C-alpha atoms as a PDB file:
ATOM      1  CA  MET A   1      24.048 -23.838  -3.827  1.00  0.00           C
ATOM      2  CA  LYS A   2      23.146 -20.255  -3.984  1.00  0.00           C
ATOM      3  CA  ARG A   3      20.379 -20.728  -6.609  1.00  0.00           C
ATOM      4  CA  LEU A   4      18.874 -23.278  -4.026  1.00  0.00           C
ATOM      5  CA  GLY A   5      19.168 -20.960  -1.143  1.00  0.00           C
ATOM      6  CA  LEU A   6      17.192 -18.054  -3.140  1.00  0.00           C
ATOM      7  CA  SER A   7      14.886 -20.663  -4.666  1.00  0.00           C
ATOM      8  CA  THR A   8      13.535 -21.657  -0.923  1.00  0.00           C
ATOM      9  CA  LEU A   9      13.576 -18.424   0.387  1.00  0.00           C
ATOM     10  CA  LEU A  10      11.174 -17.653  -2.699  1.00  0.00           C
ATOM     11  CA  ALA A  11       9.144 -20.305  -2.236  1.00  0.00           C
ATOM     12  CA  VAL A  12       8.798 -19.724   1.794  1.00  0.00           C
ATOM     13  CA  LEU A  13       8.272 -16.437   0.790  1.00  0.00           C
ATOM     14  CA  LEU A  14       5.275 -17.219  -1.915  1.00  0.00           C
ATOM     15  CA  ALA A  15       3.806 -19.913   0.411  1.00  0.00           C
ATOM     16  CA  LEU A  16       4.016 -17.718   4.117  1.00  0.00           C
ATOM     17  CA  PRO A  17       0.459 -16.274   2.805  1.00  0.00           C
ATOM     18  CA  LEU A  18      -1.429 -19.498   2.682  1.00  0.00           C
ATOM     19  CA  ALA A  19      -0.171 -20.589   6.323  1.00  0.00           C
ATOM     20  CA  GLY A  20      -2.679 -18.611   7.860  1.00  0.00           C
ATOM     21  CA  CYS A  21      -6.327 -17.958   7.305  1.00  0.00           C
ATOM     22  CA  HIS A  22      -8.012 -14.361   7.239  1.00  0.00           C
ATOM     23  CA  GLY A  23      -6.781 -11.866   9.912  1.00  0.00           C
ATOM     24  CA  PRO A  24      -7.641  -8.521  11.296  1.00  0.00           C
ATOM     25  CA  GLN A  25      -7.219  -6.921   7.615  1.00  0.00           C
ATOM     26  CA  ARG A  26      -5.338  -4.197   9.380  1.00  0.00           C
ATOM     27  CA  LEU A  27      -3.954  -2.115   6.288  1.00  0.00           C
ATOM     28  CA  SER A  28      -7.026  -3.333   3.965  1.00  0.00           C
ATOM     29  CA  ARG A  29      -9.204  -1.839   6.963  1.00  0.00           C
ATOM     30  CA  GLY A  30      -7.380   1.438   7.757  1.00  0.00           C
ATOM     31  CA  LEU A  31      -7.628   2.214   4.087  1.00  0.00           C
ATOM     32  CA  ASP A  32     -10.977   2.046   4.125  1.00  0.00           C
ATOM     33  CA  GLU A  33     -11.259   4.082   7.410  1.00  0.00           C
ATOM     34  CA  TRP A  34      -9.339   7.012   5.408  1.00  0.00           C
ATOM     35  CA  ALA A  35     -11.410   6.784   2.693  1.00  0.00           C
ATOM     36  CA  ASN A  36     -14.625   6.900   4.202  1.00  0.00           C
ATOM     37  CA  THR A  37     -13.602   9.827   6.338  1.00  0.00           C
ATOM     38  CA  GLY A  38     -12.515  11.561   3.366  1.00  0.00           C
ATOM     39  CA  TYR A  39     -15.825  10.787   1.754  1.00  0.00           C
ATOM     40  CA  ALA A  40     -17.516  12.558   4.165  1.00  0.00           C
ATOM     41  CA  SER A  41     -15.950  15.815   3.796  1.00  0.00           C
ATOM     42  CA  SER A  42     -15.548  15.890   0.098  1.00  0.00           C
ATOM     43  CA  PRO A  43     -17.467  13.379  -1.956  1.00  0.00           C
ATOM     44  CA  TRP A  44     -15.995  14.714  -5.290  1.00  0.00           C
ATOM     45  CA  ILE A  45     -12.723  14.081  -4.680  1.00  0.00           C
ATOM     46  CA  TYR A  46     -12.882  10.752  -2.284  1.00  0.00           C
ATOM     47  CA  GLY A  47     -15.792   9.373  -4.767  1.00  0.00           C
ATOM     48  CA  ASN A  48     -14.605   9.777  -8.217  1.00  0.00           C
ATOM     49  CA  PHE A  49     -11.174  10.551  -8.358  1.00  0.00           C
ATOM     50  CA  LEU A  50      -9.413   8.714  -5.655  1.00  0.00           C
ATOM     51  CA  ALA A  51     -11.873   5.789  -6.014  1.00  0.00           C
ATOM     52  CA  HIS A  52     -11.533   4.755  -9.135  1.00  0.00           C
ATOM     53  CA  LEU A  53      -7.558   5.934  -9.983  1.00  0.00           C
ATOM     54  CA  LEU A  54      -5.625   5.369  -6.678  1.00  0.00           C
ATOM     55  CA  LEU A  55      -8.024   3.533  -4.076  1.00  0.00           C
ATOM     56  CA  THR A  56      -7.920   0.516  -6.377  1.00  0.00           C
ATOM     57  CA  GLY A  57      -4.188  -0.066  -6.840  1.00  0.00           C
ATOM     58  CA  ALA A  58      -3.956   0.897  -2.865  1.00  0.00           C
ATOM     59  CA  ASP A  59      -6.744  -1.849  -2.477  1.00  0.00           C
ATOM     60  CA  ALA A  60      -4.270  -4.288  -4.085  1.00  0.00           C
ATOM     61  CA  VAL A  61      -1.221  -3.501  -2.394  1.00  0.00           C
ATOM     62  CA  THR A  62      -3.061  -3.232   1.299  1.00  0.00           C
ATOM     63  CA  TRP A  63      -4.841  -6.811   0.652  1.00  0.00           C
ATOM     64  CA  THR A  64      -1.335  -8.072  -0.253  1.00  0.00           C
ATOM     65  CA  MET A  65       0.779  -7.105   2.430  1.00  0.00           C
ATOM     66  CA  ASP A  66      -2.064  -7.846   5.249  1.00  0.00           C
ATOM     67  CA  SER A  67      -1.904 -11.273   3.679  1.00  0.00           C
ATOM     68  CA  PHE A  68       1.542 -11.607   5.184  1.00  0.00           C
ATOM     69  CA  ILE A  69       0.709  -9.242   7.834  1.00  0.00           C
ATOM     70  CA  ASN A  70      -2.362 -11.641   8.884  1.00  0.00           C
ATOM     71  CA  VAL A  71      -0.110 -14.628   9.151  1.00  0.00           C
ATOM     72  CA  TYR A  72       1.265 -13.367  12.373  1.00  0.00           C
ATOM     73  CA  TYR A  73      -1.952 -12.364  14.052  1.00  0.00           C
ATOM     74  CA  PHE A  74      -3.427 -15.976  12.963  1.00  0.00           C
ATOM     75  CA  TRP A  75      -0.652 -17.907  14.535  1.00  0.00           C
ATOM     76  CA  VAL A  76       0.751 -15.782  17.262  1.00  0.00           C
ATOM     77  CA  ASP A  77      -1.927 -14.360  18.752  1.00  0.00           C
ATOM     78  CA  ASP A  78      -5.045 -15.810  17.484  1.00  0.00           C
ATOM     79  CA  ALA A  79      -5.606 -19.370  16.760  1.00  0.00           C
ATOM     80  CA  ALA A  80      -4.674 -21.894  19.866  1.00  0.00           C
ATOM     81  CA  PRO A  81      -2.405 -23.214  20.797  1.00  0.00           C
ATOM     82  CA  PHE A  82      -0.386 -20.284  20.447  1.00  0.00           C
ATOM     83  CA  GLY A  83      -2.664 -17.595  20.551  1.00  0.00           C
ATOM     84  CA  ASP A  84      -5.420 -17.108  23.124  1.00  0.00           C
ATOM     85  CA  GLY A  85      -7.959 -18.842  20.729  1.00  0.00           C
ATOM     86  CA  LYS A  86      -9.761 -15.232  20.150  1.00  0.00           C
ATOM     87  CA  GLY A  87      -9.467 -13.091  17.223  1.00  0.00           C
ATOM     88  CA  THR A  88      -7.844  -9.805  17.047  1.00  0.00           C
ATOM     89  CA  PRO A  89     -10.626  -6.956  16.172  1.00  0.00           C
ATOM     90  CA  TYR A  90      -9.664  -3.834  14.029  1.00  0.00           C
ATOM     91  CA  PRO A  91     -11.035  -1.180  16.161  1.00  0.00           C
ATOM     92  CA  PHE A  92     -13.381   0.935  13.812  1.00  0.00           C
ATOM     93  CA  ARG A  93     -13.595   4.503  14.167  1.00  0.00           C
ATOM     94  CA  ALA A  94     -17.119   6.139  14.559  1.00  0.00           C
ATOM     95  CA  VAL A  95     -17.191   8.412  11.534  1.00  0.00           C
ATOM     96  CA  LEU A  96     -20.059  11.514  12.572  1.00  0.00           C
ATOM     97  CA  PRO A  97     -22.007  12.563   9.505  1.00  0.00           C
ATOM     98  CA  LYS A  98     -22.110  16.497   8.843  1.00  0.00           C
ATOM     99  CA  LYS A  99     -25.141  16.166   7.296  1.00  0.00           C
ATOM    100  CA  HIS A 100     -28.725  16.204   8.713  1.00  0.00           C
END
């Protein structure tokens, strides 16, 4: 019986990301903004070292986590009949360039 419960829980957790559509991707877009802001101040660090070693792995993690978080935004906040029928936007911040 315990094995059946664990199997059911695992099946629900694996199916959960498939239950919703593309949402605001808050974690992934937050990582993109952080990398973009960093690149504007230090292209060598953010453009070479972080881009290939850390950001690739971090992108995979944030996309995976967003697939679970987006279920909430899609079904509870956005999609009718439970939501308001309007998508949740991501509040992008403007990065002011230091170059002229």
